[in-house]
PDB file of N, CA and C in Angstrom:
ATOM      1  N   UNK A   1       0.856  -1.161   0.000  1.00  0.00           N
ATOM      2  CA  UNK A   1       0.000   0.000   0.000  1.00  0.00           C
ATOM      3  C   UNK A   1       0.904   1.226   0.000  1.00  0.00           C
ATOM      4  N   UNK A   2       0.700   2.075  -0.984  1.00  0.00           N
ATOM      5  CA  UNK A   2       1.558   3.244  -1.156  1.00  0.00           C
ATOM      6  C   UNK A   2       0.707   4.507  -1.153  1.00  0.00           C
ATOM      7  N   UNK A   3       1.117   5.474  -0.332  1.00  0.00           N
ATOM      8  CA  UNK A   3       0.449   6.768  -0.294  1.00  0.00           C
ATOM      9  C   UNK A   3       1.378   7.814  -0.891  1.00  0.00           C
ATOM     10  N   UNK A   4       0.955   8.390  -2.011  1.00  0.00           N
ATOM     11  CA  UNK A   4       1.683   9.507  -2.595  1.00  0.00           C
ATOM     12  C   UNK A   4       1.411  10.721  -1.724  1.00  0.00           C
ATOM     13  N   UNK A   5       2.489  11.266  -1.152  1.00  0.00           N
ATOM     14  CA  UNK A   5       2.354  12.236  -0.070  1.00  0.00           C
ATOM     15  C   UNK A   5       3.261  13.448  -0.282  1.00  0.00           C
ATOM     16  N   UNK A   6       2.705  14.609  -0.013  1.00  0.00           N
ATOM     17  CA  UNK A   6       3.459  15.858   0.040  1.00  0.00           C
ATOM     18  C   UNK A   6       3.238  16.431   1.438  1.00  0.00           C
ATOM     19  N   UNK A   7       4.267  16.441   2.282  1.00  0.00           N
ATOM     20  CA  UNK A   7       4.088  16.890   3.660  1.00  0.00           C
ATOM     21  C   UNK A   7       3.669  18.358   3.796  1.00  0.00           C
ATOM     22  N   UNK A   8       3.808  19.142   2.743  1.00  0.00           N
ATOM     23  CA  UNK A   8       3.391  20.546   2.799  1.00  0.00           C
ATOM     24  C   UNK A   8       1.901  20.712   2.520  1.00  0.00           C
ATOM     25  N   UNK A   9       1.235  19.659   2.090  1.00  0.00           N
ATOM     26  CA  UNK A   9      -0.185  19.695   1.734  1.00  0.00           C
ATOM     27  C   UNK A   9      -1.031  19.239   2.928  1.00  0.00           C
ATOM     28  N   UNK A  10      -1.995  20.049   3.326  1.00  0.00           N
ATOM     29  CA  UNK A  10      -2.818  19.709   4.488  1.00  0.00           C
ATOM     30  C   UNK A  10      -3.658  18.454   4.246  1.00  0.00           C
ATOM     31  N   UNK A  11      -4.187  18.284   3.045  1.00  0.00           N
ATOM     32  CA  UNK A  11      -4.986  17.083   2.748  1.00  0.00           C
ATOM     33  C   UNK A  11      -4.111  15.838   2.816  1.00  0.00           C
ATOM     34  N   UNK A  12      -2.887  15.972   2.351  1.00  0.00           N
ATOM     35  CA  UNK A  12      -1.953  14.861   2.390  1.00  0.00           C
ATOM     36  C   UNK A  12      -1.592  14.510   3.839  1.00  0.00           C
ATOM     37  N   UNK A  13      -1.360  15.508   4.651  1.00  0.00           N
ATOM     38  CA  UNK A  13      -1.076  15.262   6.077  1.00  0.00           C
ATOM     39  C   UNK A  13      -2.277  14.618   6.764  1.00  0.00           C
ATOM     40  N   UNK A  14      -3.477  15.036   6.400  1.00  0.00           N
ATOM     41  CA  UNK A  14      -4.689  14.434   6.967  1.00  0.00           C
ATOM     42  C   UNK A  14      -4.787  12.963   6.579  1.00  0.00           C
ATOM     43  N   UNK A  15      -4.434  12.637   5.349  1.00  0.00           N
ATOM     44  CA  UNK A  15      -4.484  11.244   4.899  1.00  0.00           C
ATOM     45  C   UNK A  15      -3.501  10.391   5.679  1.00  0.00           C
ATOM     46  N   UNK A  16      -2.297  10.899   5.900  1.00  0.00           N
ATOM     47  CA  UNK A  16      -1.303  10.175   6.703  1.00  0.00           C
ATOM     48  C   UNK A  16      -1.845   9.941   8.103  1.00  0.00           C
ATOM     49  N   UNK A  17      -2.428  10.967   8.702  1.00  0.00           N
ATOM     50  CA  UNK A  17      -2.973  10.837  10.059  1.00  0.00           C
ATOM     51  C   UNK A  17      -4.105   9.817  10.110  1.00  0.00           C
ATOM     52  N   UNK A  18      -4.986   9.832   9.111  1.00  0.00           N
ATOM     53  CA  UNK A  18      -6.103   8.878   9.093  1.00  0.00           C
ATOM     54  C   UNK A  18      -5.596   7.440   9.030  1.00  0.00           C
ATOM     55  N   UNK A  19      -4.642   7.186   8.149  1.00  0.00           N
ATOM     56  CA  UNK A  19      -4.101   5.826   8.019  1.00  0.00           C
ATOM     57  C   UNK A  19      -3.357   5.417   9.286  1.00  0.00           C
ATOM     58  N   UNK A  20      -2.576   6.330   9.831  1.00  0.00           N
ATOM     59  CA  UNK A  20      -1.814   6.040  11.049  1.00  0.00           C
ATOM     60  C   UNK A  20      -2.753   5.779  12.219  1.00  0.00           C
ATOM     61  N   UNK A  21      -3.749   6.633  12.397  1.00  0.00           N
ATOM     62  CA  UNK A  21      -4.708   6.477  13.499  1.00  0.00           C
ATOM     63  C   UNK A  21      -5.505   5.180  13.381  1.00  0.00           C
ATOM     64  N   UNK A  22      -5.737   4.729  12.150  1.00  0.00           N
ATOM     65  CA  UNK A  22      -6.475   3.478  11.928  1.00  0.00           C
ATOM     66  C   UNK A  22      -5.570   2.252  12.069  1.00  0.00           C
ATOM     67  N   UNK A  23      -4.274   2.481  12.307  1.00  0.00           N
ATOM     68  CA  UNK A  23      -3.340   1.364  12.468  1.00  0.00           C
ATOM     69  C   UNK A  23      -3.025   0.647  11.173  1.00  0.00           C
ATOM     70  N   UNK A  24      -3.146   1.346  10.060  1.00  0.00           N
ATOM     71  CA  UNK A  24      -2.914   0.751   8.743  1.00  0.00           C
ATOM     72  C   UNK A  24      -1.463   0.968   8.345  1.00  0.00           C
ATOM     73  N   UNK A  25      -0.802  -0.116   7.973  1.00  0.00           N
ATOM     74  CA  UNK A  25       0.586  -0.050   7.537  1.00  0.00           C
ATOM     75  C   UNK A  25       0.627   0.386   6.076  1.00  0.00           C
ATOM     76  N   UNK A  26       1.419   1.415   5.773  1.00  0.00           N
ATOM     77  CA  UNK A  26       1.504   1.926   4.411  1.00  0.00           C
ATOM     78  C   UNK A  26       2.880   2.531   4.176  1.00  0.00           C
ATOM     79  N   UNK A  27       3.220   2.646   2.899  1.00  0.00           N
ATOM     80  CA  UNK A  27       4.459   3.313   2.495  1.00  0.00           C
ATOM     81  C   UNK A  27       4.132   4.776   2.231  1.00  0.00           C
ATOM     82  N   UNK A  28       4.802   5.652   2.916  1.00  0.00           N
ATOM     83  CA  UNK A  28       4.652   7.085   2.695  1.00  0.00           C
ATOM     84  C   UNK A  28       5.615   7.468   1.577  1.00  0.00           C
ATOM     85  N   UNK A  29       5.083   7.689   0.388  1.00  0.00           N
ATOM     86  CA  UNK A  29       5.905   7.887  -0.802  1.00  0.00           C
ATOM     87  C   UNK A  29       5.980   9.370  -1.138  1.00  0.00           C
ATOM     88  N   UNK A  30       7.158   9.938  -1.015  1.00  0.00           N
ATOM     89  CA  UNK A  30       7.392  11.364  -1.266  1.00  0.00           C
ATOM     90  C   UNK A  30       7.710  11.577  -2.747  1.00  0.00           C
ATOM     91  N   UNK A  31       6.685  11.734  -3.522  1.00  0.00           N
ATOM     92  CA  UNK A  31       6.819  11.791  -4.977  1.00  0.00           C
ATOM     93  C   UNK A  31       7.565  13.027  -5.464  1.00  0.00           C
ATOM     94  N   UNK A  32       7.606  14.098  -4.678  1.00  0.00           N
ATOM     95  CA  UNK A  32       8.321  15.288  -5.120  1.00  0.00           C
ATOM     96  C   UNK A  32       9.833  15.064  -5.148  1.00  0.00           C
ATOM     97  N   UNK A  33      10.332  14.183  -4.294  1.00  0.00           N
ATOM     98  CA  UNK A  33      11.759  13.871  -4.301  1.00  0.00           C
ATOM     99  C   UNK A  33      12.047  12.567  -5.038  1.00  0.00           C
ATOM    100  N   UNK A  34      11.114  11.625  -4.991  1.00  0.00           N
ATOM    101  CA  UNK A  34      11.310  10.310  -5.611  1.00  0.00           C
ATOM    102  C   UNK A  34      10.812  10.243  -7.050  1.00  0.00           C
ATOM    103  N   UNK A  35       9.937  11.167  -7.422  1.00  0.00           N
ATOM    104  CA  UNK A  35       9.288  11.087  -8.734  1.00  0.00           C
ATOM    105  C   UNK A  35       8.114  10.124  -8.661  1.00  0.00           C
ATOM    106  N   UNK A  36       7.327  10.080  -9.693  1.00  0.00           N
ATOM    107  CA  UNK A  36       6.218   9.134  -9.769  1.00  0.00           C
ATOM    108  C   UNK A  36       6.797   7.786 -10.176  1.00  0.00           C
ATOM    109  N   UNK A  37       6.444   6.747  -9.426  1.00  0.00           N
ATOM    110  CA  UNK A  37       6.960   5.405  -9.710  1.00  0.00           C
ATOM    111  C   UNK A  37       6.397   4.913 -11.041  1.00  0.00           C
ATOM    112  N   UNK A  38       7.280   4.443 -11.912  1.00  0.00           N
ATOM    113  CA  UNK A  38       6.846   3.984 -13.235  1.00  0.00           C
ATOM    114  C   UNK A  38       5.878   2.805 -13.148  1.00  0.00           C
ATOM    115  N   UNK A  39       5.923   2.052 -12.042  1.00  0.00           N
ATOM    116  CA  UNK A  39       4.984   0.942 -11.860  1.00  0.00           C
ATOM    117  C   UNK A  39       3.568   1.428 -11.544  1.00  0.00           C
ATOM    118  N   UNK A  40       3.444   2.660 -11.095  1.00  0.00           N
ATOM    119  CA  UNK A  40       2.142   3.208 -10.693  1.00  0.00           C
ATOM    120  C   UNK A  40       1.520   4.135 -11.729  1.00  0.00           C
ATOM    121  N   UNK A  41       2.307   4.573 -12.689  1.00  0.00           N
ATOM    122  CA  UNK A  41       1.849   5.636 -13.579  1.00  0.00           C
ATOM    123  C   UNK A  41       0.614   5.238 -14.388  1.00  0.00           C
ATOM    124  N   UNK A  42       0.499   3.985 -14.770  1.00  0.00           N
ATOM    125  CA  UNK A  42      -0.671   3.565 -15.554  1.00  0.00           C
ATOM    126  C   UNK A  42      -1.957   3.702 -14.743  1.00  0.00           C
ATOM    127  N   UNK A  43      -1.943   3.210 -13.519  1.00  0.00           N
ATOM    128  CA  UNK A  43      -3.150   3.308 -12.692  1.00  0.00           C
ATOM    129  C   UNK A  43      -3.440   4.754 -12.315  1.00  0.00           C
ATOM    130  N   UNK A  44      -2.393   5.549 -12.070  1.00  0.00           N
ATOM    131  CA  UNK A  44      -2.601   6.954 -11.734  1.00  0.00           C
ATOM    132  C   UNK A  44      -3.264   7.700 -12.890  1.00  0.00           C
ATOM    133  N   UNK A  45      -2.892   7.348 -14.102  1.00  0.00           N
ATOM    134  CA  UNK A  45      -3.428   8.059 -15.271  1.00  0.00           C
ATOM    135  C   UNK A  45      -4.915   7.806 -15.493  1.00  0.00           C
ATOM    136  N   UNK A  46      -5.482   6.828 -14.811  1.00  0.00           N
ATOM    137  CA  UNK A  46      -6.912   6.537 -14.967  1.00  0.00           C
ATOM    138  C   UNK A  46      -7.784   7.345 -14.006  1.00  0.00           C
ATOM    139  N   UNK A  47      -7.161   7.994 -13.028  1.00  0.00           N
ATOM    140  CA  UNK A  47      -7.936   8.733 -12.028  1.00  0.00           C
ATOM    141  C   UNK A  47      -8.384  10.086 -12.563  1.00  0.00           C
ATOM    142  N   UNK A  48      -9.647  10.416 -12.386  1.00  0.00           N
ATOM    143  CA  UNK A  48     -10.109  11.755 -12.783  1.00  0.00           C
ATOM    144  C   UNK A  48      -9.417  12.815 -11.924  1.00  0.00           C
ATOM    145  N   UNK A  49      -9.123  13.941 -12.510  1.00  0.00           N
ATOM    146  CA  UNK A  49      -8.540  15.089 -11.804  1.00  0.00           C
ATOM    147  C   UNK A  49      -7.185  14.800 -11.174  1.00  0.00           C
ATOM    148  N   UNK A  50      -6.412  13.899 -11.759  1.00  0.00           N
ATOM    149  CA  UNK A  50      -5.116  13.531 -11.198  1.00  0.00           C
ATOM    150  C   UNK A  50      -4.051  14.585 -11.481  1.00  0.00           C
ATOM    151  N   UNK A  51      -4.291  15.462 -12.442  1.00  0.00           N
ATOM    152  CA  UNK A  51      -3.328  16.497 -12.796  1.00  0.00           C
ATOM    153  C   UNK A  51      -3.695  17.815 -12.104  1.00  0.00           C
ATOM    154  N   UNK A  52      -2.716  18.381 -11.396  1.00  0.00           N
ATOM    155  CA  UNK A  52      -2.850  19.731 -10.830  1.00  0.00           C
ATOM    156  C   UNK A  52      -2.426  20.702 -11.926  1.00  0.00           C
ATOM    157  N   UNK A  53      -3.388  21.189 -12.665  1.00  0.00           N
ATOM    158  CA  UNK A  53      -3.088  21.982 -13.857  1.00  0.00           C
ATOM    159  C   UNK A  53      -2.273  23.240 -13.539  1.00  0.00           C
ATOM    160  N   UNK A  54      -2.459  23.811 -12.365  1.00  0.00           N
ATOM    161  CA  UNK A  54      -1.716  25.031 -12.026  1.00  0.00           C
ATOM    162  C   UNK A  54      -0.231  24.760 -11.789  1.00  0.00           C
ATOM    163  N   UNK A  55       0.152  23.489 -11.625  1.00  0.00           N
ATOM    164  CA  UNK A  55       1.549  23.139 -11.398  1.00  0.00           C
ATOM    165  C   UNK A  55       2.236  22.569 -12.635  1.00  0.00           C
ATOM    166  N   UNK A  56       1.587  22.642 -13.778  1.00  0.00           N
ATOM    167  CA  UNK A  56       2.149  22.111 -15.022  1.00  0.00           C
ATOM    168  C   UNK A  56       2.943  23.202 -15.733  1.00  0.00           C
ATOM    169  N   UNK A  57       4.142  22.837 -16.160  1.00  0.00           N
ATOM    170  CA  UNK A  57       4.951  23.734 -16.986  1.00  0.00           C
ATOM    171  C   UNK A  57       4.696  23.392 -18.451  1.00  0.00           C
ATOM    172  N   UNK A  58       4.474  24.399 -19.248  1.00  0.00           N
ATOM    173  CA  UNK A  58       4.235  24.161 -20.664  1.00  0.00           C
ATOM    174  C   UNK A  58       2.776  24.354 -21.031  1.00  0.00           C
ATOM    175  N   UNK A  59       2.514  24.185 -22.312  1.00  0.00           N
ATOM    176  CA  UNK A  59       1.183  24.413 -22.867  1.00  0.00           C
ATOM    177  C   UNK A  59       0.512  23.076 -23.147  1.00  0.00           C
ATOM    178  N   UNK A  60      -0.581  22.781 -22.465  1.00  0.00           N
ATOM    179  CA  UNK A  60      -1.301  21.517 -22.639  1.00  0.00           C
ATOM    180  C   UNK A  60      -2.784  21.780 -22.799  1.00  0.00           C
ATOM    181  N   UNK A  61      -3.410  20.966 -23.627  1.00  0.00           N
ATOM    182  CA  UNK A  61      -4.861  20.982 -23.777  1.00  0.00           C
ATOM    183  C   UNK A  61      -5.402  19.914 -22.824  1.00  0.00           C
ATOM    184  N   UNK A  62      -5.696  20.304 -21.598  1.00  0.00           N
ATOM    185  CA  UNK A  62      -6.049  19.339 -20.550  1.00  0.00           C
ATOM    186  C   UNK A  62      -7.348  18.587 -20.835  1.00  0.00           C
ATOM    187  N   UNK A  63      -8.224  19.151 -21.603  1.00  0.00           N
ATOM    188  CA  UNK A  63      -9.486  18.475 -21.909  1.00  0.00           C
ATOM    189  C   UNK A  63      -9.295  17.318 -22.876  1.00  0.00           C
ATOM    190  N   UNK A  64      -8.176  17.316 -23.598  1.00  0.00           N
ATOM    191  CA  UNK A  64      -7.959  16.282 -24.610  1.00  0.00           C
ATOM    192  C   UNK A  64      -6.736  15.403 -24.348  1.00  0.00           C
ATOM    193  N   UNK A  65      -6.274  15.349 -23.112  1.00  0.00           N
ATOM    194  CA  UNK A  65      -5.132  14.492 -22.796  1.00  0.00           C
ATOM    195  C   UNK A  65      -5.574  13.033 -22.730  1.00  0.00           C
ATOM    196  N   UNK A  66      -4.883  12.170 -23.451  1.00  0.00           N
ATOM    197  CA  UNK A  66      -5.165  10.736 -23.345  1.00  0.00           C
ATOM    198  C   UNK A  66      -4.299  10.144 -22.226  1.00  0.00           C
ATOM    199  N   UNK A  67      -4.519   8.874 -21.923  1.00  0.00           N
ATOM    200  CA  UNK A  67      -3.813   8.221 -20.815  1.00  0.00           C
ATOM    201  C   UNK A  67      -2.301   8.266 -21.005  1.00  0.00           C
ATOM    202  N   UNK A  68      -1.840   8.062 -22.224  1.00  0.00           N
ATOM    203  CA  UNK A  68      -0.397   8.076 -22.485  1.00  0.00           C
ATOM    204  C   UNK A  68       0.199   9.464 -22.230  1.00  0.00           C
ATOM    205  N   UNK A  69      -0.505  10.500 -22.605  1.00  0.00           N
ATOM    206  CA  UNK A  69      -0.039  11.874 -22.375  1.00  0.00           C
ATOM    207  C   UNK A  69      -0.015  12.196 -20.881  1.00  0.00           C
ATOM    208  N   UNK A  70      -1.023  11.724 -20.165  1.00  0.00           N
ATOM    209  CA  UNK A  70      -1.063  11.935 -18.719  1.00  0.00           C
ATOM    210  C   UNK A  70       0.106  11.213 -18.054  1.00  0.00           C
ATOM    211  N   UNK A  71       0.389   9.989 -18.485  1.00  0.00           N
ATOM    212  CA  UNK A  71       1.508   9.229 -17.926  1.00  0.00           C
ATOM    213  C   UNK A  71       2.825   9.962 -18.156  1.00  0.00           C
ATOM    214  N   UNK A  72       3.026  10.433 -19.372  1.00  0.00           N
ATOM    215  CA  UNK A  72       4.246  11.160 -19.685  1.00  0.00           C
ATOM    216  C   UNK A  72       4.362  12.415 -18.812  1.00  0.00           C
ATOM    217  N   UNK A  73       3.279  13.133 -18.654  1.00  0.00           N
ATOM    218  CA  UNK A  73       3.261  14.348 -17.850  1.00  0.00           C
ATOM    219  C   UNK A  73       3.605  14.049 -16.391  1.00  0.00           C
ATOM    220  N   UNK A  74       3.006  12.993 -15.841  1.00  0.00           N
ATOM    221  CA  UNK A  74       3.280  12.625 -14.444  1.00  0.00           C
ATOM    222  C   UNK A  74       4.741  12.222 -14.241  1.00  0.00           C
ATOM    223  N   UNK A  75       5.295  11.512 -15.198  1.00  0.00           N
ATOM    224  CA  UNK A  75       6.688  11.081 -15.079  1.00  0.00           C
ATOM    225  C   UNK A  75       7.659  12.246 -15.257  1.00  0.00           C
ATOM    226  N   UNK A  76       7.349  13.150 -16.160  1.00  0.00           N
ATOM    227  CA  UNK A  76       8.266  14.254 -16.439  1.00  0.00           C
ATOM    228  C   UNK A  76       8.092  15.435 -15.481  1.00  0.00           C
ATOM    229  N   UNK A  77       6.884  15.577 -14.917  1.00  0.00           N
ATOM    230  CA  UNK A  77       6.604  16.689 -14.003  1.00  0.00           C
ATOM    231  C   UNK A  77       5.843  16.179 -12.777  1.00  0.00           C
ATOM    232  N   UNK A  78       6.501  15.457 -11.881  1.00  0.00           N
ATOM    233  CA  UNK A  78       5.808  14.881 -10.729  1.00  0.00           C
ATOM    234  C   UNK A  78       5.069  15.915  -9.879  1.00  0.00           C
ATOM    235  N   UNK A  79       5.516  17.151  -9.920  1.00  0.00           N
ATOM    236  CA  UNK A  79       4.870  18.207  -9.134  1.00  0.00           C
ATOM    237  C   UNK A  79       3.402  18.387  -9.512  1.00  0.00           C
ATOM    238  N   UNK A  80       3.042  17.999 -10.732  1.00  0.00           N
ATOM    239  CA  UNK A  80       1.663  18.201 -11.185  1.00  0.00           C
ATOM    240  C   UNK A  80       0.708  17.105 -10.714  1.00  0.00           C
ATOM    241  N   UNK A  81       1.203  16.114  -9.966  1.00  0.00           N
ATOM    242  CA  UNK A  81       0.343  15.056  -9.432  1.00  0.00           C
ATOM    243  C   UNK A  81      -0.537  15.621  -8.319  1.00  0.00           C
ATOM    244  N   UNK A  82      -1.825  15.434  -8.444  1.00  0.00           N
ATOM    245  CA  UNK A  82      -2.735  15.803  -7.350  1.00  0.00           C
ATOM    246  C   UNK A  82      -2.481  14.837  -6.206  1.00  0.00           C
ATOM    247  N   UNK A  83      -2.640  15.299  -5.003  1.00  0.00           N
ATOM    248  CA  UNK A  83      -2.366  14.462  -3.843  1.00  0.00           C
ATOM    249  C   UNK A  83      -3.368  14.738  -2.750  1.00  0.00           C
ATOM    250  N   UNK A  84      -3.453  13.795  -1.836  1.00  0.00           N
ATOM    251  CA  UNK A  84      -2.775  12.505  -1.727  1.00  0.00           C
ATOM    252  C   UNK A  84      -3.453  11.456  -2.603  1.00  0.00           C
ATOM    253  N   UNK A  85      -2.710  10.425  -2.942  1.00  0.00           N
ATOM    254  CA  UNK A  85      -3.241   9.297  -3.703  1.00  0.00           C
ATOM    255  C   UNK A  85      -2.803   8.017  -3.008  1.00  0.00           C
ATOM    256  N   UNK A  86      -3.761   7.126  -2.778  1.00  0.00           N
ATOM    257  CA  UNK A  86      -3.453   5.826  -2.198  1.00  0.00           C
ATOM    258  C   UNK A  86      -3.594   4.766  -3.278  1.00  0.00           C
ATOM    259  N   UNK A  87      -2.568   3.904  -3.382  1.00  0.00           N
ATOM    260  CA  UNK A  87      -2.610   2.760  -4.287  1.00  0.00           C
ATOM    261  C   UNK A  87      -2.574   1.508  -3.427  1.00  0.00           C
ATOM    262  N   UNK A  88      -3.555   0.631  -3.664  1.00  0.00           N
ATOM    263  CA  UNK A  88      -3.685  -0.580  -2.859  1.00  0.00           C
ATOM    264  C   UNK A  88      -4.321  -1.681  -3.697  1.00  0.00           C
ATOM    265  N   UNK A  89      -3.645  -2.821  -3.770  1.00  0.00           N
ATOM    266  CA  UNK A  89      -4.169  -3.997  -4.490  1.00  0.00           C
ATOM    267  C   UNK A  89      -4.646  -3.670  -5.908  1.00  0.00           C
ATOM    268  N   UNK A  90      -3.840  -2.924  -6.638  1.00  0.00           N
ATOM    269  CA  UNK A  90      -4.161  -2.633  -8.029  1.00  0.00           C
ATOM    270  C   UNK A  90      -5.238  -1.581  -8.237  1.00  0.00           C
ATOM    271  N   UNK A  91      -5.637  -0.901  -7.184  1.00  0.00           N
ATOM    272  CA  UNK A  91      -6.621   0.174  -7.292  1.00  0.00           C
ATOM    273  C   UNK A  91      -6.016   1.435  -6.713  1.00  0.00           C
ATOM    274  N   UNK A  92      -6.550   2.570  -7.126  1.00  0.00           N
ATOM    275  CA  UNK A  92      -6.068   3.847  -6.626  1.00  0.00           C
ATOM    276  C   UNK A  92      -7.250   4.767  -6.356  1.00  0.00           C
ATOM    277  N   UNK A  93      -7.033   5.661  -5.392  1.00  0.00           N
ATOM    278  CA  UNK A  93      -8.055   6.643  -5.078  1.00  0.00           C
ATOM    279  C   UNK A  93      -7.369   7.955  -4.714  1.00  0.00           C
ATOM    280  N   UNK A  94      -7.941   9.035  -5.208  1.00  0.00           N
ATOM    281  CA  UNK A  94      -7.483  10.363  -4.861  1.00  0.00           C
ATOM    282  C   UNK A  94      -8.088  10.730  -3.504  1.00  0.00           C
ATOM    283  N   UNK A  95      -7.262  11.158  -2.589  1.00  0.00           N
ATOM    284  CA  UNK A  95      -7.713  11.458  -1.230  1.00  0.00           C
ATOM    285  C   UNK A  95      -8.287  12.847  -1.075  1.00  0.00           C
ATOM    286  N   UNK A  96      -9.261  13.157  -1.865  1.00  0.00           N
ATOM    287  CA  UNK A  96      -9.963  14.441  -1.761  1.00  0.00           C
ATOM    288  C   UNK A  96     -11.444  14.163  -1.763  1.00  0.00           C
ATOM    289  N   UNK A  97     -12.053  14.057  -0.631  1.00  0.00           N
ATOM    290  CA  UNK A  97     -11.532  14.316   0.708  1.00  0.00           C
ATOM    291  C   UNK A  97     -10.638  13.169   1.190  1.00  0.00           C
ATOM    292  N   UNK A  98      -9.788  13.441   2.182  1.00  0.00           N
ATOM    293  CA  UNK A  98      -8.860  12.422   2.665  1.00  0.00           C
ATOM    294  C   UNK A  98      -9.535  11.139   3.145  1.00  0.00           C
ATOM    295  N   UNK A  99     -10.750  11.235   3.620  1.00  0.00           N
ATOM    296  CA  UNK A  99     -11.470  10.062   4.115  1.00  0.00           C
ATOM    297  C   UNK A  99     -11.713   9.021   3.024  1.00  0.00           C
ATOM    298  N   UNK A 100     -11.672   9.432   1.763  1.00  0.00           N
ATOM    299  CA  UNK A 100     -11.905   8.479   0.677  1.00  0.00           C
ATOM    300  C   UNK A 100     -10.824   7.409   0.610  1.00  0.00           C
ATOM    301  N   UNK A 101      -9.648   7.688   1.146  1.00  0.00           N
ATOM    302  CA  UNK A 101      -8.606   6.664   1.146  1.00  0.00           C
ATOM    303  C   UNK A 101      -8.966   5.515   2.080  1.00  0.00           C
ATOM    304  N   UNK A 102      -9.638   5.828   3.173  1.00  0.00           N
ATOM    305  CA  UNK A 102     -10.071   4.770   4.093  1.00  0.00           C
ATOM    306  C   UNK A 102     -11.126   3.887   3.444  1.00  0.00           C
ATOM    307  N   UNK A 103     -11.965   4.467   2.607  1.00  0.00           N
ATOM    308  CA  UNK A 103     -12.986   3.681   1.918  1.00  0.00           C
ATOM    309  C   UNK A 103     -12.344   2.632   1.011  1.00  0.00           C
ATOM    310  N   UNK A 104     -11.255   2.990   0.326  1.00  0.00           N
ATOM    311  CA  UNK A 104     -10.569   2.028  -0.524  1.00  0.00           C
ATOM    312  C   UNK A 104     -10.036   0.865   0.305  1.00  0.00           C
ATOM    313  N   UNK A 105      -9.435   1.161   1.434  1.00  0.00           N
ATOM    314  CA  UNK A 105      -8.877   0.124   2.297  1.00  0.00           C
ATOM    315  C   UNK A 105      -9.981  -0.767   2.854  1.00  0.00           C
ATOM    316  N   UNK A 106     -11.068  -0.147   3.291  1.00  0.00           N
ATOM    317  CA  UNK A 106     -12.171  -0.913   3.892  1.00  0.00           C
ATOM    318  C   UNK A 106     -12.918  -1.753   2.875  1.00  0.00           C
ATOM    319  N   UNK A 107     -12.928  -1.344   1.612  1.00  0.00           N
ATOM    320  CA  UNK A 107     -13.651  -2.081   0.568  1.00  0.00           C
ATOM    321  C   UNK A 107     -12.866  -3.255   0.023  1.00  0.00           C
ATOM    322  N   UNK A 108     -11.631  -3.446   0.496  1.00  0.00           N
ATOM    323  CA  UNK A 108     -10.828  -4.561  -0.033  1.00  0.00           C
ATOM    324  C   UNK A 108     -10.594  -5.616   1.017  1.00  0.00           C
TER     325      UNK A 108
END
């Protein structure tokens, strides 16, 4: 179980606290320093609103990005990843609100 986490983000900190308080073991993955893991990029690209458009460098038509373009963007510009994101058992959920990450864990 991997949580894409930015410690400067309040929603991300809330997600860490929720998982910790629930006694759930997870990997706290600091994507800003580690980059987006190439093993996760395919599943991340399927999530709606996974791109933080205000953090993207360059000119993109966000309404027409296909999965491959989103994957390339996430790998080349990890800062544009919306967070927090929990990946567990081949599924992913955007933690907005942070409580949605607990729903993924409880549903599996």
